[in-house]
Structure formats: C-alpha cells, structure tokens
PDB file of N, CA and C in Angstrom:
ATOM      1  N   MET A   1     -84.579 -29.113  19.654  1.00  0.00           N
ATOM      2  CA  MET A   1     -83.574 -28.324  20.332  1.00  0.00           C
ATOM      3  C   MET A   1     -82.193 -28.817  19.899  1.00  0.00           C
ATOM      4  N   ALA A   2     -81.241 -27.880  19.633  1.00  0.00           N
ATOM      5  CA  ALA A   2     -79.894 -28.229  19.194  1.00  0.00           C
ATOM      6  C   ALA A   2     -79.062 -28.685  20.373  1.00  0.00           C
ATOM      7  N   LYS A   3     -78.185 -29.633  20.105  1.00  0.00           N
ATOM      8  CA  LYS A   3     -77.300 -30.153  21.150  1.00  0.00           C
ATOM      9  C   LYS A   3     -76.072 -29.250  21.269  1.00  0.00           C
ATOM     10  N   VAL A   4     -75.734 -28.874  22.478  1.00  0.00           N
ATOM     11  CA  VAL A   4     -74.556 -28.041  22.734  1.00  0.00           C
ATOM     12  C   VAL A   4     -73.374 -28.966  22.967  1.00  0.00           C
ATOM     13  N   VAL A   5     -72.303 -28.781  22.184  1.00  0.00           N
ATOM     14  CA  VAL A   5     -71.114 -29.621  22.304  1.00  0.00           C
ATOM     15  C   VAL A   5     -70.034 -28.820  23.001  1.00  0.00           C
ATOM     16  N   LYS A   6     -69.536 -29.351  24.084  1.00  0.00           N
ATOM     17  CA  LYS A   6     -68.453 -28.700  24.809  1.00  0.00           C
ATOM     18  C   LYS A   6     -67.134 -28.966  24.098  1.00  0.00           C
ATOM     19  N   ASN A   7     -66.157 -28.114  24.338  1.00  0.00           N
ATOM     20  CA  ASN A   7     -64.841 -28.297  23.717  1.00  0.00           C
ATOM     21  C   ASN A   7     -64.215 -29.633  24.073  1.00  0.00           C
ATOM     22  N   SER A   8     -64.439 -30.105  25.298  1.00  0.00           N
ATOM     23  CA  SER A   8     -63.833 -31.358  25.735  1.00  0.00           C
ATOM     24  C   SER A   8     -64.452 -32.568  25.049  1.00  0.00           C
ATOM     25  N   GLU A   9     -65.667 -32.402  24.449  1.00  0.00           N
ATOM     26  CA  GLU A   9     -66.344 -33.513  23.788  1.00  0.00           C
ATOM     27  C   GLU A   9     -65.974 -33.622  22.323  1.00  0.00           C
ATOM     28  N   LYS A  10     -65.307 -32.640  21.765  1.00  0.00           N
ATOM     29  CA  LYS A  10     -64.944 -32.666  20.341  1.00  0.00           C
ATOM     30  C   LYS A  10     -63.881 -33.724  20.097  1.00  0.00           C
ATOM     31  N   LYS A  11     -63.994 -34.383  18.979  1.00  0.00           N
ATOM     32  CA  LYS A  11     -63.036 -35.429  18.612  1.00  0.00           C
ATOM     33  C   LYS A  11     -61.806 -34.837  17.918  1.00  0.00           C
ATOM     34  N   THR A  12     -62.004 -33.825  17.078  1.00  0.00           N
ATOM     35  CA  THR A  12     -60.895 -33.249  16.321  1.00  0.00           C
ATOM     36  C   THR A  12     -60.825 -31.752  16.558  1.00  0.00           C
ATOM     37  N   ARG A  13     -59.630 -31.247  16.401  1.00  0.00           N
ATOM     38  CA  ARG A  13     -59.406 -29.813  16.517  1.00  0.00           C
ATOM     39  C   ARG A  13     -59.570 -29.184  15.151  1.00  0.00           C
ATOM     40  N   GLY A  14     -60.152 -28.023  15.110  1.00  0.00           N
ATOM     41  CA  GLY A  14     -60.268 -27.303  13.852  1.00  0.00           C
ATOM     42  C   GLY A  14     -59.020 -26.496  13.580  1.00  0.00           C
ATOM     43  N   GLY A  15     -58.782 -26.135  12.345  1.00  0.00           N
ATOM     44  CA  GLY A  15     -57.629 -25.306  11.998  1.00  0.00           C
ATOM     45  C   GLY A  15     -56.350 -26.108  11.898  1.00  0.00           C
ATOM     46  N   SER A  16     -55.238 -25.419  12.033  1.00  0.00           N
ATOM     47  CA  SER A  16     -53.941 -26.074  11.876  1.00  0.00           C
ATOM     48  C   SER A  16     -53.589 -26.874  13.123  1.00  0.00           C
ATOM     49  N   LYS A  17     -52.774 -27.883  12.906  1.00  0.00           N
ATOM     50  CA  LYS A  17     -52.317 -28.715  14.018  1.00  0.00           C
ATOM     51  C   LYS A  17     -51.235 -27.974  14.782  1.00  0.00           C
ATOM     52  N   LYS A  18     -50.973 -28.415  15.979  1.00  0.00           N
ATOM     53  CA  LYS A  18     -49.982 -27.762  16.822  1.00  0.00           C
ATOM     54  C   LYS A  18     -48.616 -27.798  16.136  1.00  0.00           C
ATOM     55  N   GLY A  19     -48.000 -26.626  15.973  1.00  0.00           N
ATOM     56  CA  GLY A  19     -46.690 -26.530  15.336  1.00  0.00           C
ATOM     57  C   GLY A  19     -46.734 -26.462  13.825  1.00  0.00           C
ATOM     58  N   GLU A  20     -47.906 -26.635  13.236  1.00  0.00           N
ATOM     59  CA  GLU A  20     -48.034 -26.617  11.776  1.00  0.00           C
ATOM     60  C   GLU A  20     -48.159 -25.186  11.277  1.00  0.00           C
ATOM     61  N   ARG A  21     -47.490 -24.902  10.166  1.00  0.00           N
ATOM     62  CA  ARG A  21     -47.578 -23.572   9.562  1.00  0.00           C
ATOM     63  C   ARG A  21     -48.310 -23.685   8.249  1.00  0.00           C
ATOM     64  N   ARG A  22     -49.217 -22.759   8.030  1.00  0.00           N
ATOM     65  CA  ARG A  22     -49.941 -22.720   6.756  1.00  0.00           C
ATOM     66  C   ARG A  22     -49.795 -21.332   6.162  1.00  0.00           C
ATOM     67  N   GLY A  23     -49.177 -21.239   5.008  1.00  0.00           N
ATOM     68  CA  GLY A  23     -49.068 -19.965   4.313  1.00  0.00           C
ATOM     69  C   GLY A  23     -48.040 -19.037   4.946  1.00  0.00           C
ATOM     70  N   GLY A  24     -47.919 -17.863   4.384  1.00  0.00           N
ATOM     71  CA  GLY A  24     -46.974 -16.873   4.901  1.00  0.00           C
ATOM     72  C   GLY A  24     -45.555 -17.145   4.449  1.00  0.00           C
ATOM     73  N   ARG A  25     -44.634 -16.297   4.898  1.00  0.00           N
ATOM     74  CA  ARG A  25     -43.213 -16.462   4.561  1.00  0.00           C
ATOM     75  C   ARG A  25     -42.647 -17.687   5.243  1.00  0.00           C
ATOM     76  N   GLN A  26     -41.725 -18.343   4.584  1.00  0.00           N
ATOM     77  CA  GLN A  26     -41.013 -19.439   5.212  1.00  0.00           C
ATOM     78  C   GLN A  26     -40.079 -18.865   6.259  1.00  0.00           C
ATOM     79  N   LYS A  27     -39.769 -19.656   7.268  1.00  0.00           N
ATOM     80  CA  LYS A  27     -38.913 -19.204   8.356  1.00  0.00           C
ATOM     81  C   LYS A  27     -37.539 -18.831   7.796  1.00  0.00           C
ATOM     82  N   GLY A  28     -37.040 -17.653   8.203  1.00  0.00           N
ATOM     83  CA  GLY A  28     -35.725 -17.198   7.764  1.00  0.00           C
ATOM     84  C   GLY A  28     -35.738 -16.372   6.489  1.00  0.00           C
ATOM     85  N   THR A  29     -36.870 -16.268   5.811  1.00  0.00           N
ATOM     86  CA  THR A  29     -36.958 -15.477   4.593  1.00  0.00           C
ATOM     87  C   THR A  29     -37.116 -14.005   4.966  1.00  0.00           C
ATOM     88  N   PRO A  30     -36.211 -13.129   4.471  1.00  0.00           N
ATOM     89  CA  PRO A  30     -36.328 -11.710   4.839  1.00  0.00           C
ATOM     90  C   PRO A  30     -37.533 -11.074   4.151  1.00  0.00           C
ATOM     91  N   ASN A  31     -38.106 -10.042   4.802  1.00  0.00           N
ATOM     92  CA  ASN A  31     -39.224  -9.342   4.169  1.00  0.00           C
ATOM     93  C   ASN A  31     -38.693  -8.440   3.064  1.00  0.00           C
ATOM     94  N   LYS A  32     -39.593  -7.821   2.303  1.00  0.00           N
ATOM     95  CA  LYS A  32     -39.194  -7.046   1.122  1.00  0.00           C
ATOM     96  C   LYS A  32     -38.289  -5.875   1.477  1.00  0.00           C
ATOM     97  N   ARG A  33     -38.603  -5.155   2.550  1.00  0.00           N
ATOM     98  CA  ARG A  33     -37.786  -3.991   2.914  1.00  0.00           C
ATOM     99  C   ARG A  33     -36.373  -4.396   3.302  1.00  0.00           C
ATOM    100  N   THR A  34     -36.240  -5.475   4.062  1.00  0.00           N
ATOM    101  CA  THR A  34     -34.904  -5.940   4.454  1.00  0.00           C
ATOM    102  C   THR A  34     -34.118  -6.353   3.217  1.00  0.00           C
ATOM    103  N   LEU A  35     -34.771  -7.068   2.305  1.00  0.00           N
ATOM    104  CA  LEU A  35     -34.113  -7.513   1.082  1.00  0.00           C
ATOM    105  C   LEU A  35     -33.683  -6.323   0.234  1.00  0.00           C
ATOM    106  N   GLU A  36     -34.548  -5.314   0.114  1.00  0.00           N
ATOM    107  CA  GLU A  36     -34.208  -4.107  -0.648  1.00  0.00           C
ATOM    108  C   GLU A  36     -33.030  -3.374  -0.009  1.00  0.00           C
ATOM    109  N   PHE A  37     -33.010  -3.302   1.322  1.00  0.00           N
ATOM    110  CA  PHE A  37     -31.931  -2.623   2.032  1.00  0.00           C
ATOM    111  C   PHE A  37     -30.597  -3.334   1.798  1.00  0.00           C
ATOM    112  N   ILE A  38     -30.597  -4.654   1.876  1.00  0.00           N
ATOM    113  CA  ILE A  38     -29.369  -5.434   1.672  1.00  0.00           C
ATOM    114  C   ILE A  38     -28.879  -5.269   0.241  1.00  0.00           C
ATOM    115  N   GLU A  39     -29.806  -5.268  -0.729  1.00  0.00           N
ATOM    116  CA  GLU A  39     -29.418  -5.072  -2.124  1.00  0.00           C
ATOM    117  C   GLU A  39     -28.871  -3.669  -2.357  1.00  0.00           C
ATOM    118  N   ALA A  40     -29.427  -2.658  -1.678  1.00  0.00           N
ATOM    119  CA  ALA A  40     -28.963  -1.280  -1.836  1.00  0.00           C
ATOM    120  C   ALA A  40     -27.553  -1.106  -1.267  1.00  0.00           C
ATOM    121  N   LEU A  41     -27.209  -1.866  -0.216  1.00  0.00           N
ATOM    122  CA  LEU A  41     -25.860  -1.779   0.341  1.00  0.00           C
ATOM    123  C   LEU A  41     -24.808  -2.293  -0.634  1.00  0.00           C
ATOM    124  N   GLY A  42     -25.158  -3.282  -1.429  1.00  0.00           N
ATOM    125  CA  GLY A  42     -24.200  -3.848  -2.381  1.00  0.00           C
ATOM    126  C   GLY A  42     -23.041  -4.507  -1.659  1.00  0.00           C
ATOM    127  N   ASP A  43     -21.813  -4.085  -2.005  1.00  0.00           N
ATOM    128  CA  ASP A  43     -20.616  -4.662  -1.391  1.00  0.00           C
ATOM    129  C   ASP A  43     -20.210  -3.950  -0.103  1.00  0.00           C
ATOM    130  N   PHE A  44     -20.935  -2.904   0.275  1.00  0.00           N
ATOM    131  CA  PHE A  44     -20.600  -2.142   1.478  1.00  0.00           C
ATOM    132  C   PHE A  44     -20.874  -2.977   2.721  1.00  0.00           C
ATOM    133  N   ASP A  45     -19.875  -3.066   3.616  1.00  0.00           N
ATOM    134  CA  ASP A  45     -20.015  -3.806   4.873  1.00  0.00           C
ATOM    135  C   ASP A  45     -19.892  -2.807   6.026  1.00  0.00           C
ATOM    136  N   PRO A  46     -20.983  -2.565   6.774  1.00  0.00           N
ATOM    137  CA  PRO A  46     -20.943  -1.581   7.858  1.00  0.00           C
ATOM    138  C   PRO A  46     -19.945  -1.933   8.957  1.00  0.00           C
ATOM    139  N   VAL A  47     -19.770  -3.205   9.255  1.00  0.00           N
ATOM    140  CA  VAL A  47     -18.828  -3.605  10.304  1.00  0.00           C
ATOM    141  C   VAL A  47     -17.401  -3.302   9.854  1.00  0.00           C
ATOM    142  N   GLU A  48     -17.117  -3.570   8.607  1.00  0.00           N
ATOM    143  CA  GLU A  48     -15.790  -3.264   8.068  1.00  0.00           C
ATOM    144  C   GLU A  48     -15.537  -1.757   8.089  1.00  0.00           C
ATOM    145  N   ALA A  49     -16.562  -0.968   7.816  1.00  0.00           N
ATOM    146  CA  ALA A  49     -16.434   0.488   7.856  1.00  0.00           C
ATOM    147  C   ALA A  49     -16.165   0.965   9.281  1.00  0.00           C
ATOM    148  N   LEU A  50     -16.808   0.342  10.279  1.00  0.00           N
ATOM    149  CA  LEU A  50     -16.545   0.700  11.676  1.00  0.00           C
ATOM    150  C   LEU A  50     -15.104   0.384  12.068  1.00  0.00           C
ATOM    151  N   VAL A  51     -14.616  -0.762  11.630  1.00  0.00           N
ATOM    152  CA  VAL A  51     -13.229  -1.133  11.940  1.00  0.00           C
ATOM    153  C   VAL A  51     -12.269  -0.132  11.309  1.00  0.00           C
ATOM    154  N   ASN A  52     -12.508   0.245  10.056  1.00  0.00           N
ATOM    155  CA  ASN A  52     -11.652   1.231   9.377  1.00  0.00           C
ATOM    156  C   ASN A  52     -11.731   2.592  10.069  1.00  0.00           C
ATOM    157  N   LEU A  53     -12.936   2.979  10.513  1.00  0.00           N
ATOM    158  CA  LEU A  53     -13.099   4.243  11.225  1.00  0.00           C
ATOM    159  C   LEU A  53     -12.303   4.235  12.521  1.00  0.00           C
ATOM    160  N   TYR A  54     -12.356   3.131  13.236  1.00  0.00           N
ATOM    161  CA  TYR A  54     -11.607   3.010  14.493  1.00  0.00           C
ATOM    162  C   TYR A  54     -10.096   3.109  14.233  1.00  0.00           C
ATOM    163  N   LYS A  55      -9.629   2.426  13.192  1.00  0.00           N
ATOM    164  CA  LYS A  55      -8.191   2.392  12.909  1.00  0.00           C
ATOM    165  C   LYS A  55      -7.653   3.733  12.411  1.00  0.00           C
ATOM    166  N   THR A  56      -8.462   4.468  11.661  1.00  0.00           N
ATOM    167  CA  THR A  56      -7.960   5.690  11.030  1.00  0.00           C
ATOM    168  C   THR A  56      -8.245   6.959  11.805  1.00  0.00           C
ATOM    169  N   SER A  57      -9.197   6.934  12.729  1.00  0.00           N
ATOM    170  CA  SER A  57      -9.591   8.150  13.435  1.00  0.00           C
ATOM    171  C   SER A  57      -8.567   8.543  14.497  1.00  0.00           C
ATOM    172  N   LYS A  58      -8.372   9.843  14.645  1.00  0.00           N
ATOM    173  CA  LYS A  58      -7.502  10.387  15.687  1.00  0.00           C
ATOM    174  C   LYS A  58      -8.306  10.806  16.910  1.00  0.00           C
ATOM    175  N   ASP A  59      -9.609  11.036  16.722  1.00  0.00           N
ATOM    176  CA  ASP A  59     -10.489  11.499  17.795  1.00  0.00           C
ATOM    177  C   ASP A  59     -10.870  10.319  18.695  1.00  0.00           C
ATOM    178  N   GLU A  60     -10.607  10.458  19.997  1.00  0.00           N
ATOM    179  CA  GLU A  60     -10.884   9.382  20.954  1.00  0.00           C
ATOM    180  C   GLU A  60     -12.383   9.106  21.094  1.00  0.00           C
ATOM    181  N   PHE A  61     -13.235  10.145  20.973  1.00  0.00           N
ATOM    182  CA  PHE A  61     -14.677   9.944  21.085  1.00  0.00           C
ATOM    183  C   PHE A  61     -15.225   9.160  19.896  1.00  0.00           C
ATOM    184  N   VAL A  62     -14.670   9.398  18.724  1.00  0.00           N
ATOM    185  CA  VAL A  62     -15.081   8.643  17.535  1.00  0.00           C
ATOM    186  C   VAL A  62     -14.656   7.184  17.691  1.00  0.00           C
ATOM    187  N   LYS A  63     -13.438   6.964  18.186  1.00  0.00           N
ATOM    188  CA  LYS A  63     -12.957   5.601  18.410  1.00  0.00           C
ATOM    189  C   LYS A  63     -13.839   4.871  19.422  1.00  0.00           C
ATOM    190  N   LEU A  64     -14.202   5.574  20.513  1.00  0.00           N
ATOM    191  CA  LEU A  64     -15.046   4.973  21.535  1.00  0.00           C
ATOM    192  C   LEU A  64     -16.420   4.613  20.959  1.00  0.00           C
ATOM    193  N   GLY A  65     -16.991   5.507  20.168  1.00  0.00           N
ATOM    194  CA  GLY A  65     -18.293   5.237  19.541  1.00  0.00           C
ATOM    195  C   GLY A  65     -18.240   4.041  18.612  1.00  0.00           C
ATOM    196  N   ALA A  66     -17.150   3.937  17.831  1.00  0.00           N
ATOM    197  CA  ALA A  66     -16.995   2.797  16.922  1.00  0.00           C
ATOM    198  C   ALA A  66     -16.860   1.495  17.705  1.00  0.00           C
ATOM    199  N   LEU A  67     -16.098   1.533  18.802  1.00  0.00           N
ATOM    200  CA  LEU A  67     -15.950   0.329  19.637  1.00  0.00           C
ATOM    201  C   LEU A  67     -17.287  -0.098  20.238  1.00  0.00           C
ATOM    202  N   LYS A  68     -18.060   0.872  20.720  1.00  0.00           N
ATOM    203  CA  LYS A  68     -19.362   0.551  21.307  1.00  0.00           C
ATOM    204  C   LYS A  68     -20.280  -0.098  20.285  1.00  0.00           C
ATOM    205  N   GLU A  69     -20.253   0.385  19.056  1.00  0.00           N
ATOM    206  CA  GLU A  69     -21.095  -0.203  18.008  1.00  0.00           C
ATOM    207  C   GLU A  69     -20.616  -1.602  17.633  1.00  0.00           C
ATOM    208  N   MET A  70     -19.304  -1.811  17.602  1.00  0.00           N
ATOM    209  CA  MET A  70     -18.773  -3.132  17.235  1.00  0.00           C
ATOM    210  C   MET A  70     -19.056  -4.178  18.308  1.00  0.00           C
ATOM    211  N   LEU A  71     -19.154  -3.745  19.569  1.00  0.00           N
ATOM    212  CA  LEU A  71     -19.454  -4.681  20.655  1.00  0.00           C
ATOM    213  C   LEU A  71     -20.789  -5.392  20.448  1.00  0.00           C
ATOM    214  N   LYS A  72     -21.738  -4.714  19.799  1.00  0.00           N
ATOM    215  CA  LYS A  72     -23.054  -5.302  19.550  1.00  0.00           C
ATOM    216  C   LYS A  72     -22.966  -6.544  18.670  1.00  0.00           C
ATOM    217  N   TYR A  73     -21.925  -6.614  17.840  1.00  0.00           N
ATOM    218  CA  TYR A  73     -21.768  -7.753  16.947  1.00  0.00           C
ATOM    219  C   TYR A  73     -21.031  -8.908  17.618  1.00  0.00           C
ATOM    220  N   ILE A  74     -20.415  -8.639  18.758  1.00  0.00           N
ATOM    221  CA  ILE A  74     -19.620  -9.671  19.428  1.00  0.00           C
ATOM    222  C   ILE A  74     -20.319 -10.205  20.672  1.00  0.00           C
ATOM    223  N   TYR A  75     -20.829  -9.296  21.515  1.00  0.00           N
ATOM    224  CA  TYR A  75     -21.443  -9.691  22.779  1.00  0.00           C
ATOM    225  C   TYR A  75     -22.927  -9.334  22.784  1.00  0.00           C
ATOM    226  N   PRO A  76     -23.778 -10.187  23.369  1.00  0.00           N
ATOM    227  CA  PRO A  76     -25.204  -9.850  23.454  1.00  0.00           C
ATOM    228  C   PRO A  76     -25.440  -8.753  24.490  1.00  0.00           C
ATOM    229  N   GLN A  77     -26.497  -7.975  24.280  1.00  0.00           N
ATOM    230  CA  GLN A  77     -26.830  -6.933  25.242  1.00  0.00           C
ATOM    231  C   GLN A  77     -27.477  -7.566  26.461  1.00  0.00           C
ATOM    232  N   ARG A  78     -27.201  -7.028  27.615  1.00  0.00           N
ATOM    233  CA  ARG A  78     -27.759  -7.531  28.872  1.00  0.00           C
ATOM    234  C   ARG A  78     -29.140  -6.932  29.099  1.00  0.00           C
ATOM    235  N   LYS A  79     -30.015  -7.720  29.682  1.00  0.00           N
ATOM    236  CA  LYS A  79     -31.344  -7.232  30.028  1.00  0.00           C
ATOM    237  C   LYS A  79     -31.286  -6.504  31.361  1.00  0.00           C
ATOM    238  N   ALA A  80     -32.168  -5.541  31.523  1.00  0.00           N
ATOM    239  CA  ALA A  80     -32.273  -4.838  32.797  1.00  0.00           C
ATOM    240  C   ALA A  80     -32.927  -5.769  33.813  1.00  0.00           C
ATOM    241  N   VAL A  81     -32.447  -5.740  35.026  1.00  0.00           N
ATOM    242  CA  VAL A  81     -32.994  -6.581  36.084  1.00  0.00           C
ATOM    243  C   VAL A  81     -33.838  -5.707  36.998  1.00  0.00           C
ATOM    244  N   ASP A  82     -35.073  -6.121  37.220  1.00  0.00           N
ATOM    245  CA  ASP A  82     -35.984  -5.374  38.073  1.00  0.00           C
ATOM    246  C   ASP A  82     -35.870  -5.895  39.497  1.00  0.00           C
ATOM    247  N   ILE A  83     -35.525  -5.010  40.407  1.00  0.00           N
ATOM    248  CA  ILE A  83     -35.438  -5.379  41.818  1.00  0.00           C
ATOM    249  C   ILE A  83     -36.627  -4.728  42.505  1.00  0.00           C
ATOM    250  N   GLY A  84     -37.602  -5.553  42.876  1.00  0.00           N
ATOM    251  CA  GLY A  84     -38.815  -5.023  43.482  1.00  0.00           C
ATOM    252  C   GLY A  84     -38.733  -5.044  44.997  1.00  0.00           C
ATOM    253  N   VAL A  85     -39.216  -3.997  45.610  1.00  0.00           N
ATOM    254  CA  VAL A  85     -39.216  -3.903  47.070  1.00  0.00           C
ATOM    255  C   VAL A  85     -40.348  -4.732  47.646  1.00  0.00           C
ATOM    256  N   GLU A  86     -41.399  -4.934  46.849  1.00  0.00           N
ATOM    257  CA  GLU A  86     -42.559  -5.640  47.368  1.00  0.00           C
ATOM    258  C   GLU A  86     -42.311  -7.141  47.545  1.00  0.00           C
ATOM    259  N   LYS A  87     -41.244  -7.661  46.987  1.00  0.00           N
ATOM    260  CA  LYS A  87     -40.939  -9.083  47.139  1.00  0.00           C
ATOM    261  C   LYS A  87     -40.371  -9.353  48.523  1.00  0.00           C
ATOM    262  N   GLN A  88     -40.620 -10.547  49.045  1.00  0.00           N
ATOM    263  CA  GLN A  88     -40.077 -10.915  50.338  1.00  0.00           C
ATOM    264  C   GLN A  88     -38.589 -11.187  50.196  1.00  0.00           C
ATOM    265  N   THR A  89     -37.819 -10.686  51.135  1.00  0.00           N
ATOM    266  CA  THR A  89     -36.375 -10.850  51.081  1.00  0.00           C
ATOM    267  C   THR A  89     -35.879 -11.982  51.958  1.00  0.00           C
ATOM    268  N   GLY A  90     -36.722 -12.511  52.818  1.00  0.00           N
ATOM    269  CA  GLY A  90     -36.310 -13.603  53.690  1.00  0.00           C
ATOM    270  C   GLY A  90     -35.645 -13.117  54.964  1.00  0.00           C
ATOM    271  N   ILE A  91     -35.733 -11.843  55.273  1.00  0.00           N
ATOM    272  CA  ILE A  91     -35.139 -11.300  56.483  1.00  0.00           C
ATOM    273  C   ILE A  91     -36.236 -11.210  57.539  1.00  0.00           C
ATOM    274  N   ASN A  92     -35.991 -11.789  58.683  1.00  0.00           N
ATOM    275  CA  ASN A  92     -36.946 -11.729  59.784  1.00  0.00           C
ATOM    276  C   ASN A  92     -36.478 -10.689  60.791  1.00  0.00           C
ATOM    277  N   ILE A  93     -37.362  -9.808  61.170  1.00  0.00           N
ATOM    278  CA  ILE A  93     -37.056  -8.786  62.167  1.00  0.00           C
ATOM    279  C   ILE A  93     -37.813  -9.156  63.435  1.00  0.00           C
ATOM    280  N   ILE A  94     -37.066  -9.277  64.514  1.00  0.00           N
ATOM    281  CA  ILE A  94     -37.667  -9.662  65.787  1.00  0.00           C
ATOM    282  C   ILE A  94     -37.638  -8.464  66.726  1.00  0.00           C
ATOM    283  N   VAL A  95     -38.808  -8.112  67.251  1.00  0.00           N
ATOM    284  CA  VAL A  95     -38.915  -7.036  68.222  1.00  0.00           C
ATOM    285  C   VAL A  95     -39.281  -7.691  69.546  1.00  0.00           C
ATOM    286  N   ALA A  96     -38.434  -7.512  70.541  1.00  0.00           N
ATOM    287  CA  ALA A  96     -38.666  -8.170  71.828  1.00  0.00           C
ATOM    288  C   ALA A  96     -38.727  -7.131  72.946  1.00  0.00           C
ATOM    289  N   ASP A  97     -39.464  -7.456  73.954  1.00  0.00           N
ATOM    290  CA  ASP A  97     -39.536  -6.570  75.121  1.00  0.00           C
ATOM    291  C   ASP A  97     -38.460  -7.000  76.126  1.00  0.00           C
ATOM    292  N   GLU A  98     -38.403  -6.333  77.248  1.00  0.00           N
ATOM    293  CA  GLU A  98     -37.377  -6.623  78.261  1.00  0.00           C
ATOM    294  C   GLU A  98     -37.458  -8.060  78.762  1.00  0.00           C
ATOM    295  N   LYS A  99     -38.654  -8.599  78.818  1.00  0.00           N
ATOM    296  CA  LYS A  99     -38.852  -9.957  79.305  1.00  0.00           C
ATOM    297  C   LYS A  99     -38.120 -10.981  78.435  1.00  0.00           C
ATOM    298  N   HIS A 100     -38.127 -10.744  77.104  1.00  0.00           N
ATOM    299  CA  HIS A 100     -37.517 -11.691  76.168  1.00  0.00           C
ATOM    300  C   HIS A 100     -36.072 -11.317  75.817  1.00  0.00           C
ATOM    301  N   LYS A 101     -35.597 -10.162  76.291  1.00  0.00           N
ATOM    302  CA  LYS A 101     -34.256  -9.682  75.960  1.00  0.00           C
ATOM    303  C   LYS A 101     -33.184 -10.655  76.435  1.00  0.00           C
ATOM    304  N   GLN A 102     -33.289 -11.146  77.640  1.00  0.00           N
ATOM    305  CA  GLN A 102     -32.304 -12.080  78.192  1.00  0.00           C
ATOM    306  C   GLN A 102     -32.292 -13.381  77.405  1.00  0.00           C
ATOM    307  N   MET A 103     -33.457 -13.837  76.987  1.00  0.00           N
ATOM    308  CA  MET A 103     -33.541 -15.075  76.214  1.00  0.00           C
ATOM    309  C   MET A 103     -32.842 -14.923  74.865  1.00  0.00           C
ATOM    310  N   LEU A 104     -32.986 -13.751  74.219  1.00  0.00           N
ATOM    311  CA  LEU A 104     -32.337 -13.509  72.940  1.00  0.00           C
ATOM    312  C   LEU A 104     -30.823 -13.370  73.069  1.00  0.00           C
ATOM    313  N   GLU A 105     -30.348 -12.779  74.190  1.00  0.00           N
ATOM    314  CA  GLU A 105     -28.914 -12.630  74.421  1.00  0.00           C
ATOM    315  C   GLU A 105     -28.252 -13.976  74.649  1.00  0.00           C
ATOM    316  N   ASP A 106     -28.997 -14.927  75.211  1.00  0.00           N
ATOM    317  CA  ASP A 106     -28.447 -16.270  75.457  1.00  0.00           C
ATOM    318  C   ASP A 106     -28.273 -17.066  74.168  1.00  0.00           C
ATOM    319  N   LEU A 107     -28.985 -16.675  73.136  1.00  0.00           N
ATOM    320  CA  LEU A 107     -28.876 -17.377  71.849  1.00  0.00           C
ATOM    321  C   LEU A 107     -27.561 -16.995  71.227  1.00  0.00           C
TER     322      LEU A 107
END
C-alpha cells in the first residue's frame, strides 16, 4: 500500500519559491502592442497637443474637455465609495412605554 503524504509533512515546496519569477517579460517591459503604439506616435506628444488645444481654442466646451483630460495626468482618479445600508451604523433606538418614560426624561 502507498503512503499518503500530507502537505504539512513535505520538506520542500515544489515549483518556484515565494516571490521568485521564472520566465515571461521582465517587470516594466512593455508588451508588443504598447511598443508598436509608442513607435507609431514618434515625436507626437498627446499631452502637449491637449495643452495647445486648450490655449488656441475659442470654444469653452473644447477647453473644458481638454482640461478634464489633462487632469488625469496630474491627479489620480478617486474610487467610488460604497455605502451599504446593511452595515450597522451604531445608532441605538430605544422604544419605551409610559412606565419607562419618566426614567428616560430624567436622563
């Protein structure tokens, strides 16, 4: 009969060690599509184009759109906050009858 070895009885872990990377792209290396896109842009800078659009445009809606796009490069976007009703709020509601009414008024 074969002996069953539990995970806790093993001396060594199989595969890569914790935090170790084997193969694949090195961290920070762009994939092929990103690299092709950057090469296709050449000397064109989209942020510089937005600034020029803002400075030269007479239309207020175009200026507002350019400003909104430029904000993404300066400030991080905020995450939506979920406010759930099912969570306890820490508010205690006390319902008292006439007998306890005087005691509550004295507090």
